[in-house]
């Protein structure tokens, strides 16, 4: 019996250094989603950020609308929409419209907002971001299910609010809450019985929190009469794959230091690298946060994650621009070619078929020779053996020798 099919996708913040053309950078993000669609990836999640220069996409909805026109199968999600930045009614209406435009390929990822600088620029109190996310999510779930909602808050108000279009996806577009080490996302996901996006799942803290956060989500779901589905649990981590480990490490020297700089010096999620390393690439890899190596290295890490977490539905590769574009595309291709099959049971029947043919090769070869020999014998009867080529005479002899005595 086939096991559950692990899905694969990308979490595209994105991360683009300030030394390149931003217009072309966004174009490349679109090309990445198109490439993933061709390779058979399941999902792409697009971020929302408004400051700090690296994470360029301000509107995941606009990006998704463009990406949907370029692709055929891949599902597209906001990864994530920062709920305190939006009036819930307006955001719900945009997401619902996208779900209709994409014929059900839209997913709705939510969070409190990751950059303090975004909230500061909008005059929003950072210490209330998570409370506002919880409050907004409660009404968004209802709005996206087509319900009429009245709600008065200190930062938004709904008066008999109802979306004009009923949901395309039923009961609504799929919803997932971002989660890192703290229990905030897990509690929100469980309260509403929606999906969980575990960011930084391959970091030490994130990895150690996987099982506990899922347990928190299940406990909250039980308290609110909901259930959690592991198929809607997504883990996120950085990966780069090449033919050899040394080649993969050499390729990420193109852009990894710029990525490290952003997290250590700019973003309010500081990166801590222990030890005294003169080589920043070596220092980063020593932390074990990323999988940089071969398909076998990634297969081993994913199996570890499955075991530690108890099982999840999708692994999302954090888009990072560590390598040059051609090498990045090649990494995604190698994952699709050599990693997908191990977690999607793609080759079970092929392996059974090749083993069956191998075991019966002698019998099948004998039958083939007999069939050819019979045709040659028929031709000889009609035209005479003197007209046969020597190899045909030899074939007739082999066929007779392999004919069972009972015949």
Protein backbone atom coordinates (compact mmCIF):
# COMPACT_ATOMS: atom_id res chain seq x y z
CA UNK A 1 0.00 0.00 0.00
CA UNK A 2 1.33 3.42 -0.93
CA UNK A 3 2.23 5.79 1.89
CA UNK A 4 1.32 9.49 2.13
CA UNK A 5 2.81 11.65 -0.61
CA UNK A 6 5.18 14.30 0.73
CA UNK A 7 4.71 17.54 -1.20
CA UNK A 8 7.48 19.99 -2.10
CA UNK A 9 7.55 23.72 -2.72
CA UNK A 10 9.37 26.98 -2.02
CA UNK A 11 9.02 29.78 0.50
CA UNK A 12 9.96 32.92 -1.43
CA UNK A 13 10.50 35.89 0.91
CA UNK A 14 12.57 36.72 -1.28
CA UNK A 15 16.17 37.73 -0.41
CA UNK A 16 17.80 39.98 -3.02
CA UNK A 17 21.03 41.90 -2.22
CA UNK A 18 21.09 45.63 -2.89
CA UNK A 19 23.80 45.40 -5.56
CA UNK A 20 21.46 44.10 -8.27
CA UNK A 21 18.60 45.41 -10.37
CA UNK A 22 15.40 45.00 -8.28
CA UNK A 23 13.15 44.83 -11.34
CA UNK A 24 15.11 41.89 -12.71
CA UNK A 25 15.21 40.29 -9.27
CA UNK A 26 11.41 40.15 -9.09
CA UNK A 27 11.34 38.87 -12.67
CA UNK A 28 13.65 36.04 -11.61
CA UNK A 29 11.29 35.17 -8.75
CA UNK A 30 8.52 34.77 -11.30
CA UNK A 31 10.80 32.63 -13.46
CA UNK A 32 11.55 30.44 -10.44
CA UNK A 33 7.86 29.75 -9.85
CA UNK A 34 7.40 28.99 -13.54
CA UNK A 35 10.39 26.61 -13.44
CA UNK A 36 9.00 24.88 -10.36
CA UNK A 37 5.66 24.41 -12.09
CA UNK A 38 7.40 22.71 -15.01
CA UNK A 39 9.31 20.42 -12.62
CA UNK A 40 6.18 19.30 -10.76
CA UNK A 41 6.55 21.20 -7.49
CA UNK A 42 3.33 21.50 -5.53
CA UNK A 43 3.45 24.92 -3.87
CA UNK A 44 5.08 28.36 -3.79
CA UNK A 45 4.53 30.81 -0.93
CA UNK A 46 5.23 34.51 -1.49
CA UNK A 47 6.19 36.96 1.26
CA UNK A 48 5.05 40.46 2.19
CA UNK A 49 7.64 43.01 3.35
CA UNK A 50 7.92 46.77 3.16
CA UNK A 51 11.40 47.72 4.40
CA UNK A 52 15.02 46.55 4.83
CA UNK A 53 15.60 46.28 1.05
CA UNK A 54 16.25 42.54 0.58
CA UNK A 55 12.69 41.18 0.73
CA UNK A 56 11.28 43.11 -2.19
CA UNK A 57 7.74 41.85 -2.65
CA UNK A 58 5.25 44.25 -1.05
CA UNK A 59 2.10 42.55 -2.31
CA UNK A 60 2.02 38.76 -2.52
CA UNK A 61 -1.44 39.01 -4.09
CA UNK A 62 -0.11 41.01 -7.06
CA UNK A 63 2.76 38.54 -7.48
CA UNK A 64 0.43 35.54 -7.27
CA UNK A 65 -1.87 37.01 -9.91
CA UNK A 66 1.08 37.35 -12.30
CA UNK A 67 2.50 33.92 -11.44
CA UNK A 68 -0.88 32.23 -11.91
CA UNK A 69 -1.02 33.39 -15.52
CA UNK A 70 2.41 31.83 -16.18
CA UNK A 71 1.74 28.46 -14.54
CA UNK A 72 -0.68 25.56 -14.83
CA UNK A 73 -0.57 23.40 -11.74
CA UNK A 74 1.43 24.82 -8.84
CA UNK A 75 -0.53 26.22 -5.89
CA UNK A 76 0.31 29.76 -4.79
CA UNK A 77 0.12 31.14 -1.27
CA UNK A 78 0.78 34.34 0.63
CA UNK A 79 3.81 33.54 2.74
CA UNK A 80 2.73 35.37 4.70
CA UNK A 81 0.20 38.19 4.75
CA UNK A 82 0.96 40.35 7.81
CA UNK A 83 -2.50 40.65 9.34
CA UNK A 84 -1.92 43.76 11.52
CA UNK A 85 -1.10 45.72 8.33
CA UNK A 86 -4.53 45.23 6.71
CA UNK A 87 -8.21 45.74 7.32
CA UNK A 88 -9.50 42.14 7.44
CA UNK A 89 -12.42 42.79 5.10
CA UNK A 90 -10.20 44.21 2.35
CA UNK A 91 -7.64 41.43 2.70
CA UNK A 92 -10.30 38.71 2.68
CA UNK A 93 -11.85 40.17 -0.47
CA UNK A 94 -8.50 40.18 -2.30
CA UNK A 95 -7.71 36.60 -1.28
CA UNK A 96 -11.18 35.42 -2.27
CA UNK A 97 -10.83 37.10 -5.66
CA UNK A 98 -7.46 35.41 -6.18
CA UNK A 99 -8.98 32.03 -5.35
CA UNK A 100 -11.55 32.55 -8.10
CA UNK A 101 -8.97 33.84 -10.58
CA UNK A 102 -6.66 30.86 -9.96
CA UNK A 103 -9.50 28.32 -9.91
CA UNK A 104 -8.68 27.19 -6.39
CA UNK A 105 -4.87 27.33 -6.54
CA UNK A 106 -4.63 30.10 -3.92
CA UNK A 107 -3.50 29.51 -0.32
CA UNK A 108 -3.61 32.05 2.49
CA UNK A 109 -0.64 32.15 4.84
CA UNK A 110 -0.88 34.57 7.77
CA UNK A 111 1.38 35.98 10.46
CA UNK A 112 1.95 39.03 12.67
CA UNK A 113 4.69 40.52 10.47
CA UNK A 114 8.37 39.63 10.79
CA UNK A 115 10.10 43.01 10.33
CA UNK A 116 9.75 45.48 13.19
CA UNK A 117 10.78 48.20 10.72
CA UNK A 118 7.60 47.57 8.70
CA UNK A 119 5.37 48.11 11.73
CA UNK A 120 7.38 51.13 12.86
CA UNK A 121 7.01 52.80 9.44
CA UNK A 122 3.23 52.39 9.68
CA UNK A 123 3.03 53.58 13.27
CA UNK A 124 1.82 50.19 14.48
CA UNK A 125 2.56 49.03 18.05
CA UNK A 126 4.93 46.06 17.75
CA UNK A 127 3.94 44.68 21.15
CA UNK A 128 0.35 44.27 19.94
CA UNK A 129 1.13 42.59 16.62
CA UNK A 130 0.40 39.03 17.76
CA UNK A 131 -2.82 40.01 19.54
CA UNK A 132 -3.98 41.80 16.40
CA UNK A 133 -3.09 38.81 14.28
CA UNK A 134 -5.23 36.57 16.47
CA UNK A 135 -8.15 39.00 16.38
CA UNK A 136 -7.95 39.48 12.62
CA UNK A 137 -7.62 35.76 11.93
CA UNK A 138 -10.78 35.00 13.85
CA UNK A 139 -12.88 37.18 11.55
CA UNK A 140 -10.92 36.28 8.39
CA UNK A 141 -11.73 32.60 8.83
CA UNK A 142 -15.43 33.45 8.97
CA UNK A 143 -15.36 35.93 6.08
CA UNK A 144 -13.53 33.49 3.81
CA UNK A 145 -16.19 30.88 4.52
CA UNK A 146 -18.85 33.24 3.24
CA UNK A 147 -20.27 34.24 6.61
CA UNK A 148 -21.59 37.67 7.60
CA UNK A 149 -19.47 39.22 10.34
CA UNK A 150 -20.01 42.13 12.71
CA UNK A 151 -17.04 42.96 14.94
CA UNK A 152 -15.83 46.10 16.70
CA UNK A 153 -12.17 46.45 17.59
CA UNK A 154 -9.82 49.24 18.65
CA UNK A 155 -8.15 49.05 15.21
CA UNK A 156 -10.85 47.83 12.77
CA UNK A 157 -14.61 47.48 12.55
CA UNK A 158 -16.94 45.20 10.57
CA UNK A 159 -20.63 46.01 10.16
CA UNK A 160 -22.58 43.11 8.64
CA UNK A 161 -19.57 42.50 6.41
CA UNK A 162 -19.91 39.76 3.82
CA UNK A 163 -17.81 39.02 0.74
CA UNK A 164 -19.68 39.57 -2.51
CA UNK A 165 -18.54 36.23 -3.98
CA UNK A 166 -18.99 32.92 -2.22
CA UNK A 167 -15.75 30.96 -1.79
CA UNK A 168 -14.37 29.17 -4.85
CA UNK A 169 -12.64 26.61 -2.62
CA UNK A 170 -14.95 24.97 -0.10
CA UNK A 171 -15.38 25.55 2.73
CA UNK A 172 -12.78 28.26 2.04
CA UNK A 173 -9.34 28.92 0.65
CA UNK A 174 -6.75 26.91 2.60
CA UNK A 175 -5.33 28.89 5.55
CA UNK A 176 -1.98 28.37 7.30
CA UNK A 177 -0.37 30.24 10.21
CA UNK A 178 3.36 30.96 10.37
CA UNK A 179 5.19 29.53 13.39
CA UNK A 180 8.78 29.59 14.58
CA UNK A 181 10.02 28.76 18.05
CA UNK A 182 7.29 30.47 20.09
CA UNK A 183 3.86 28.81 20.48
CA UNK A 184 1.96 31.79 18.98
CA UNK A 185 1.44 30.29 15.51
CA UNK A 186 0.70 26.80 16.82
CA UNK A 187 -1.95 28.15 19.21
CA UNK A 188 -3.64 30.16 16.43
CA UNK A 189 -3.58 27.23 14.01
CA UNK A 190 -5.11 24.89 16.57
CA UNK A 191 -7.76 27.38 17.66
CA UNK A 192 -9.13 27.61 14.12
CA UNK A 193 -8.18 24.14 12.88
CA UNK A 194 -6.03 25.52 10.04
CA UNK A 195 -2.58 24.65 8.69
CA UNK A 196 0.81 25.37 10.24
CA UNK A 197 3.87 26.87 8.49
CA UNK A 198 6.94 26.00 10.57
CA UNK A 199 9.67 28.44 9.55
CA UNK A 200 13.29 27.69 10.35
CA UNK A 201 12.51 24.00 10.80
CA UNK A 202 16.10 22.99 10.04
CA UNK A 203 17.66 25.34 12.62
CA UNK A 204 18.51 23.83 16.01
CA UNK A 205 15.78 25.73 17.87
CA UNK A 206 13.21 25.26 15.12
CA UNK A 207 13.97 21.56 14.76
CA UNK A 208 13.69 20.97 18.50
CA UNK A 209 10.36 22.82 18.61
CA UNK A 210 8.67 20.81 15.86
CA UNK A 211 7.04 18.08 17.91
CA UNK A 212 6.13 20.39 20.79
CA UNK A 213 4.53 23.01 18.53
CA UNK A 214 2.44 20.38 16.78
CA UNK A 215 1.35 19.04 20.16
CA UNK A 216 0.32 22.57 21.17
CA UNK A 217 -1.70 22.94 17.94
CA UNK A 218 -3.47 19.62 18.53
CA UNK A 219 -4.23 20.52 22.15
CA UNK A 220 -5.69 23.90 21.16
CA UNK A 221 -7.70 22.27 18.37
CA UNK A 222 -9.20 19.79 20.83
CA UNK A 223 -10.11 22.64 23.20
CA UNK A 224 -12.00 24.41 20.39
CA UNK A 225 -13.67 21.40 18.81
CA UNK A 226 -11.31 21.37 15.82
CA UNK A 227 -8.89 18.84 14.38
CA UNK A 228 -5.39 19.25 12.96
CA UNK A 229 -4.34 17.56 9.72
CA UNK A 230 -0.66 16.70 9.31
CA UNK A 231 -1.07 17.05 5.53
CA UNK A 232 -1.53 20.79 6.11
CA UNK A 233 1.69 21.08 8.15
CA UNK A 234 4.55 22.64 6.17
CA UNK A 235 8.20 22.82 7.21
CA UNK A 236 10.59 25.44 5.80
CA UNK A 237 14.38 25.30 5.52
CA UNK A 238 17.27 26.46 3.27
CA UNK A 239 18.71 23.94 0.81
CA UNK A 240 21.17 23.93 -2.09
CA UNK A 241 21.96 20.76 -4.03
CA UNK A 242 24.63 19.90 -6.59
CA UNK A 243 26.30 16.77 -7.99
CA UNK A 244 28.85 16.71 -5.15
CA UNK A 245 29.02 18.31 -1.72
CA UNK A 246 32.18 20.22 -2.59
CA UNK A 247 30.52 21.61 -5.72
CA UNK A 248 27.44 22.72 -3.75
CA UNK A 249 29.61 24.50 -1.17
CA UNK A 250 31.61 26.24 -3.87
CA UNK A 251 28.42 27.39 -5.62
CA UNK A 252 26.92 29.04 -2.53
CA UNK A 253 30.00 31.22 -2.08
CA UNK A 254 28.42 33.37 -4.80
CA UNK A 255 25.81 34.87 -2.47
CA UNK A 256 25.76 33.32 0.99
CA UNK A 257 27.82 36.06 2.66
CA UNK A 258 25.33 38.71 1.51
CA UNK A 259 22.49 36.64 2.99
CA UNK A 260 24.41 36.27 6.26
CA UNK A 261 25.03 40.02 6.30
CA UNK A 262 21.29 40.73 5.99
CA UNK A 263 20.38 38.53 8.93
CA UNK A 264 23.28 39.56 11.15
CA UNK A 265 23.29 43.30 10.49
CA UNK A 266 19.85 44.34 9.15
CA UNK A 267 16.89 42.09 9.96
CA UNK A 268 15.55 41.93 13.50
CA UNK A 269 16.02 38.16 13.48
CA UNK A 270 19.75 38.02 14.28
CA UNK A 271 21.82 35.07 13.16
CA UNK A 272 24.18 33.63 15.75
CA UNK A 273 27.18 31.64 14.53
CA UNK A 274 29.26 30.06 17.24
CA UNK A 275 32.97 29.38 17.02
CA UNK A 276 35.94 31.24 15.61
CA UNK A 277 35.80 30.86 11.84
CA UNK A 278 37.72 32.95 9.35
CA UNK A 279 35.53 31.59 6.55
CA UNK A 280 31.87 32.76 6.97
CA UNK A 281 30.64 30.00 4.66
CA UNK A 282 32.37 27.39 6.79
CA UNK A 283 31.00 29.04 9.93
CA UNK A 284 27.45 28.99 8.64
CA UNK A 285 27.57 25.39 7.45
CA UNK A 286 28.95 24.29 10.81
CA UNK A 287 25.65 25.31 12.44
CA UNK A 288 23.80 22.63 10.48
CA UNK A 289 20.91 24.96 9.64
CA UNK A 290 21.04 24.35 5.89
CA UNK A 291 21.35 21.29 3.70
CA UNK A 292 24.17 22.03 1.25
CA UNK A 293 25.29 18.91 -0.57
CA UNK A 294 23.92 16.10 -2.69
CA UNK A 295 20.42 14.66 -3.15
CA UNK A 296 21.39 11.91 -0.69
CA UNK A 297 22.21 14.54 1.94
CA UNK A 298 18.77 16.08 1.53
CA UNK A 299 17.05 12.69 1.62
CA UNK A 300 18.77 11.93 4.92
CA UNK A 301 17.76 15.27 6.47
CA UNK A 302 14.15 14.95 5.33
CA UNK A 303 13.92 11.47 6.83
CA UNK A 304 15.25 12.92 10.08
CA UNK A 305 12.62 15.67 9.97
CA UNK A 306 9.83 13.17 9.32
CA UNK A 307 10.95 11.08 12.29
CA UNK A 308 11.40 14.05 14.63
CA UNK A 309 8.11 15.70 13.73
CA UNK A 310 6.01 12.56 13.51
CA UNK A 311 5.12 13.39 9.91
CA UNK A 312 4.19 16.47 7.90
CA UNK A 313 2.62 17.24 4.54
CA UNK A 314 5.04 19.50 2.65
CA UNK A 315 8.64 20.67 2.75
CA UNK A 316 9.30 24.18 1.46
CA UNK A 317 12.76 25.26 0.34
CA UNK A 318 13.59 28.77 1.49
CA UNK A 319 14.52 30.75 -1.64
CA UNK A 320 17.84 32.47 -0.93
CA UNK A 321 19.93 33.33 -4.02
CA UNK A 322 23.06 31.78 -2.51
CA UNK A 323 24.17 30.44 -5.90
CA UNK A 324 24.12 31.86 -9.38
CA UNK A 325 20.84 31.56 -11.23
CA UNK A 326 21.82 28.58 -13.41
CA UNK A 327 23.07 26.64 -10.38
CA UNK A 328 19.92 27.54 -8.42
CA UNK A 329 17.69 26.22 -11.20
CA UNK A 330 19.82 23.08 -11.38
CA UNK A 331 19.39 22.56 -7.63
CA UNK A 332 15.60 22.65 -7.92
CA UNK A 333 15.79 20.29 -10.90
CA UNK A 334 18.00 17.75 -9.11
CA UNK A 335 15.65 17.74 -6.13
CA UNK A 336 12.69 17.04 -8.40
CA UNK A 337 14.56 14.28 -10.24
CA UNK A 338 16.28 12.48 -7.38
CA UNK A 339 14.60 13.46 -4.09
CA UNK A 340 10.89 13.53 -4.93
CA UNK A 341 10.80 9.80 -5.82
CA UNK A 342 11.97 8.76 -2.34
CA UNK A 343 9.07 10.53 -0.62
CA UNK A 344 6.32 10.15 -3.20
CA UNK A 345 6.60 6.42 -4.04
CA UNK A 346 7.14 7.37 -7.69
CA UNK A 347 9.27 4.34 -8.58
CA UNK A 348 7.79 1.50 -6.53
CA UNK A 349 6.00 -0.02 -9.50
CA UNK A 350 8.98 0.59 -11.79
CA UNK A 351 11.29 -1.19 -9.34
CA UNK A 352 8.86 -4.10 -9.05
CA UNK A 353 8.54 -4.28 -12.82
CA UNK A 354 12.28 -4.29 -13.51
CA UNK A 355 12.85 -6.96 -10.83
CA UNK A 356 10.07 -9.13 -12.29
CA UNK A 357 11.55 -8.90 -15.79
CA UNK A 358 15.06 -9.59 -14.44
CA UNK A 359 13.91 -12.77 -12.66
CA UNK A 360 12.16 -14.03 -15.78
CA UNK A 361 14.70 -12.86 -18.36
CA UNK A 362 15.76 -16.37 -19.40
CA UNK A 363 12.19 -17.50 -19.97
CA UNK A 364 11.23 -14.33 -21.85
CA UNK A 365 14.36 -14.56 -24.02
CA UNK A 366 13.61 -18.19 -24.87
CA UNK A 367 10.05 -17.31 -25.86
CA UNK A 368 11.30 -14.51 -28.06
CA UNK A 369 13.77 -16.82 -29.82
CA UNK A 370 11.11 -19.45 -30.33
CA UNK A 371 8.77 -16.90 -31.88
CA UNK A 372 11.48 -15.67 -34.25
CA UNK A 373 12.56 -19.24 -35.02
CA UNK A 374 9.01 -20.21 -35.93
CA UNK A 375 8.81 -17.36 -38.41
CA UNK A 376 12.14 -18.39 -39.97
CA UNK A 377 10.97 -22.01 -40.23
CA UNK A 378 7.78 -20.89 -41.95
CA UNK A 379 9.84 -18.86 -44.42
CA UNK A 380 12.13 -21.87 -45.05
CA UNK A 381 9.18 -24.11 -45.84
CA UNK A 382 7.98 -21.60 -48.41
CA UNK A 383 11.32 -20.68 -50.01
CA UNK A 384 13.69 -23.52 -49.16
CA UNK A 385 16.53 -23.67 -46.64
CA UNK A 386 19.18 -23.05 -49.31
CA UNK A 387 17.98 -19.45 -49.50
CA UNK A 388 18.40 -18.78 -45.73
CA UNK A 389 21.25 -16.70 -44.35
CA UNK A 390 23.54 -18.56 -41.89
CA UNK A 391 22.38 -16.57 -38.84
CA UNK A 392 18.77 -17.56 -39.58
CA UNK A 393 19.74 -21.25 -39.65
CA UNK A 394 21.49 -20.79 -36.30
CA UNK A 395 18.36 -19.09 -34.89
CA UNK A 396 16.22 -22.05 -35.96
CA UNK A 397 18.59 -24.42 -34.13
CA UNK A 398 18.44 -22.37 -30.95
CA UNK A 399 14.67 -22.25 -31.07
CA UNK A 400 14.43 -26.07 -31.41
CA UNK A 401 16.89 -26.59 -28.58
CA UNK A 402 14.84 -24.39 -26.25
CA UNK A 403 11.48 -26.01 -27.16
CA UNK A 404 10.16 -28.07 -24.18
CA UNK A 405 10.22 -31.85 -24.77
CA UNK A 406 6.44 -32.10 -24.21
CA UNK A 407 5.91 -30.02 -27.32
